[in-house]
Amino acid sequence: MTFFSSRRQPEDETTPRPALPATPIGFETVIGTNCVIEGNLSSSGNVRIDGTFTGTLDISGNVLVGETAKINADIDARNISIAGAVRGNVAGNRVQLLRTGRIWGDINANALTTEEGAFIDGKITMKGHSANNPDPAPPAAEMPTPAAAAPETDAAETPGAADTPAGEALNEADV
């Protein structure tokens, strides 16, 4: 059978069909360079966006924002790779910002990688890490000063100290 033929050939019942993978390989949904979409996009598969999208993206799979993409939306996905422009908040397990990627919005992720040349204008919050550290370093007022931390020495143990009356400083000429 040719690709564009309207005739169907009978299928052989004994030939087993290949099993489809449980999770899709590659991208289940592709929004091309010339597409302009407004609205809410929800998907359990992987999504690639190369066009313009305005709204919200709620993806259970992975998202790739291509170099030509212009996104005005919040993105919530498992893993997000950004090579284009995103104006909105980004939340995911892993967020990867490629060298041509630009984000104007907050990033919330377990792991974040950026390439040299990438641009971020927003706050970065790492999931699983609280902003209030449970074991913070003591404030500067509570930290010992170097003078207070230095051990006291007896005047007899310090060379030249026996020659100097208490309270007087040593001059370079005295040493």
Protein backbone atom coordinates (compact mmCIF):
# COMPACT_ATOMS: atom_id res chain seq x y z
CA MET A 1 0.00 0.00 0.00
CA THR A 2 1.33 3.38 -0.90
CA PHE A 3 1.27 6.22 1.60
CA PHE A 4 -1.52 8.14 -0.15
CA SER A 5 -3.43 5.17 -1.51
CA SER A 6 -7.11 4.95 -0.71
CA ARG A 7 -7.05 1.15 -0.98
CA ARG A 8 -6.53 -0.75 2.22
CA GLN A 9 -4.82 -4.04 2.14
CA PRO A 10 -6.13 -6.74 4.44
CA GLU A 11 -4.15 -7.05 7.67
CA ASP A 12 -2.61 -10.34 8.57
CA GLU A 13 -4.10 -11.43 11.92
CA THR A 14 -1.04 -13.49 12.77
CA THR A 15 1.38 -10.55 12.61
CA PRO A 16 1.64 -8.99 16.09
CA ARG A 17 1.38 -5.22 16.34
CA PRO A 18 4.12 -3.40 18.21
CA ALA A 19 3.08 -2.36 21.71
CA LEU A 20 2.81 1.36 22.35
CA PRO A 21 4.96 2.71 25.17
CA ALA A 22 3.16 3.55 28.43
CA THR A 23 4.64 7.05 28.48
CA PRO A 24 4.95 9.04 25.28
CA ILE A 25 8.40 9.43 23.80
CA GLY A 26 9.19 12.87 22.44
CA PHE A 27 6.51 15.55 22.37
CA GLU A 28 2.84 14.70 22.40
CA THR A 29 1.86 18.31 21.68
CA VAL A 30 3.75 20.79 19.51
CA ILE A 31 2.73 24.42 19.10
CA GLY A 32 4.50 25.56 15.96
CA THR A 33 6.34 28.79 15.23
CA ASN A 34 3.40 30.35 13.36
CA CYS A 35 0.78 29.44 16.01
CA VAL A 36 -0.77 32.03 18.31
CA ILE A 37 -2.83 30.55 21.15
CA GLU A 38 -4.68 32.13 24.07
CA GLY A 39 -6.21 30.18 26.94
CA ASN A 40 -5.45 27.37 29.37
CA LEU A 41 -3.48 24.37 28.21
CA SER A 42 -3.51 21.20 30.32
CA SER A 43 -1.73 18.03 29.28
CA SER A 44 -0.37 14.88 30.86
CA GLY A 45 2.16 14.46 28.05
CA ASN A 46 5.22 16.40 26.92
CA VAL A 47 4.67 19.77 25.25
CA ARG A 48 6.92 21.82 22.97
CA ILE A 49 6.07 25.46 22.27
CA ASP A 50 7.72 27.38 19.47
CA GLY A 51 4.95 29.90 18.85
CA THR A 52 3.13 32.51 20.93
CA PHE A 53 1.06 31.43 23.93
CA THR A 54 -0.90 33.58 26.39
CA GLY A 55 -2.74 32.09 29.39
CA THR A 56 -1.75 29.28 31.73
CA LEU A 57 0.18 26.06 31.15
CA ASP A 58 -0.58 23.19 33.53
CA ILE A 59 1.45 20.24 32.25
CA SER A 60 2.05 16.94 34.07
CA GLY A 61 4.85 16.07 31.66
CA ASN A 62 7.80 18.10 30.43
CA VAL A 63 7.76 21.47 28.65
CA LEU A 64 10.25 22.77 26.12
CA VAL A 65 10.00 26.46 25.28
CA GLY A 66 11.76 26.82 21.93
CA GLU A 67 13.98 29.74 20.86
CA THR A 68 11.20 31.37 18.82
CA ALA A 69 8.57 31.04 21.57
CA LYS A 70 6.97 34.02 23.28
CA ILE A 71 5.08 32.91 26.38
CA ASN A 72 2.89 35.19 28.49
CA ALA A 73 1.77 32.58 30.98
CA ASP A 74 2.52 30.87 34.24
CA ILE A 75 4.10 27.47 33.58
CA ASP A 76 3.60 24.54 35.97
CA ALA A 77 5.20 21.32 34.73
CA ARG A 78 7.41 18.42 35.81
CA ASN A 79 10.58 19.57 34.00
CA ILE A 80 10.90 22.82 32.07
CA SER A 81 13.57 23.75 29.55
CA ILE A 82 13.50 27.36 28.31
CA ALA A 83 15.27 28.64 25.21
CA GLY A 84 12.76 31.41 24.37
CA ALA A 85 11.03 34.26 26.22
CA VAL A 86 8.71 33.67 29.19
CA ARG A 87 6.78 36.41 31.00
CA GLY A 88 5.25 34.63 33.96
CA ASN A 89 6.06 32.44 36.92
CA VAL A 90 7.69 29.05 36.34
CA ALA A 91 7.26 26.09 38.71
CA GLY A 92 8.62 22.57 38.26
CA ASN A 93 10.84 19.83 39.56
CA ARG A 94 13.74 20.87 37.32
CA VAL A 95 14.04 24.14 35.45
CA GLN A 96 16.72 24.57 32.80
CA LEU A 97 17.41 27.99 31.33
CA LEU A 98 19.39 27.74 28.11
CA ARG A 99 21.69 30.50 26.83
CA THR A 100 18.96 32.08 24.67
CA GLY A 101 16.33 31.75 27.41
CA ARG A 102 14.79 34.77 29.12
CA ILE A 103 12.41 34.82 32.09
CA TRP A 104 10.56 37.77 33.56
CA GLY A 105 8.96 36.12 36.59
CA ASP A 106 9.61 34.00 39.64
CA ILE A 107 11.11 30.49 39.49
CA ASN A 108 10.15 27.76 41.98
CA ALA A 109 12.06 24.49 41.48
CA ASN A 110 13.89 21.60 43.15
CA ALA A 111 16.82 22.07 40.76
CA LEU A 112 17.80 25.00 38.55
CA THR A 113 20.45 25.10 35.85
CA THR A 114 21.36 28.11 33.74
CA GLU A 115 23.71 28.52 30.85
CA GLU A 116 25.92 31.55 30.36
CA GLY A 117 23.93 34.25 28.58
CA ALA A 118 20.55 33.33 30.09
CA PHE A 119 18.45 36.13 31.63
CA ILE A 120 16.31 36.05 34.79
CA ASP A 121 14.35 38.97 36.22
CA GLY A 122 12.57 37.55 39.26
CA LYS A 123 12.90 35.67 42.50
CA ILE A 124 14.26 32.12 42.66
CA THR A 125 12.90 29.78 45.34
CA MET A 126 14.24 26.29 45.76
CA LYS A 127 11.51 23.80 46.75
CA GLY A 128 12.28 21.73 49.81
CA HIS A 129 14.40 24.53 51.24
CA SER A 130 12.64 27.00 53.53
CA ALA A 131 13.49 30.68 53.42
CA ASN A 132 13.81 30.61 57.21
CA ASN A 133 16.80 28.40 57.93
CA PRO A 134 16.01 26.31 61.05
CA ASP A 135 19.65 26.53 62.21
CA PRO A 136 20.79 30.05 61.32
CA ALA A 137 24.21 31.40 62.20
CA PRO A 138 24.20 33.46 65.40
CA PRO A 139 23.75 37.21 64.92
CA ALA A 140 26.89 39.33 64.88
CA ALA A 141 26.16 40.64 68.41
CA GLU A 142 26.31 37.09 69.81
CA MET A 143 29.47 36.08 67.95
CA PRO A 144 32.65 36.44 70.03
CA THR A 145 34.96 39.26 69.04
CA PRO A 146 38.57 38.40 68.23
CA ALA A 147 39.83 40.17 71.39
CA ALA A 148 37.39 38.31 73.62
CA ALA A 149 38.22 35.01 71.97
CA ALA A 150 42.01 35.39 72.39
CA PRO A 151 43.37 33.57 75.44
CA GLU A 152 44.72 35.73 78.22
CA THR A 153 48.47 35.45 78.69
CA ASP A 154 50.52 36.06 81.76
CA ALA A 155 52.95 38.99 81.55
CA ALA A 156 55.83 36.66 82.43
CA GLU A 157 55.02 34.43 79.40
CA THR A 158 55.08 37.26 76.86
CA PRO A 159 58.59 38.18 75.67
CA GLY A 160 59.42 41.79 76.51
CA ALA A 161 56.26 42.21 78.59
CA ALA A 162 58.21 42.21 81.88
CA ASP A 163 60.12 45.31 80.71
CA THR A 164 56.89 47.24 79.89
CA PRO A 165 54.70 48.65 82.64
CA ALA A 166 51.03 47.50 82.53
CA GLY A 167 48.80 49.62 80.32
CA GLU A 168 51.61 50.90 78.09
CA ALA A 169 51.89 49.86 74.49
CA LEU A 170 55.08 48.59 72.98
CA ASN A 171 56.67 50.82 70.38
CA GLU A 172 58.54 49.40 67.42
CA ALA A 173 61.74 50.74 68.95
CA ASP A 174 61.10 48.78 72.17
CA VAL A 175 60.74 45.44 70.39
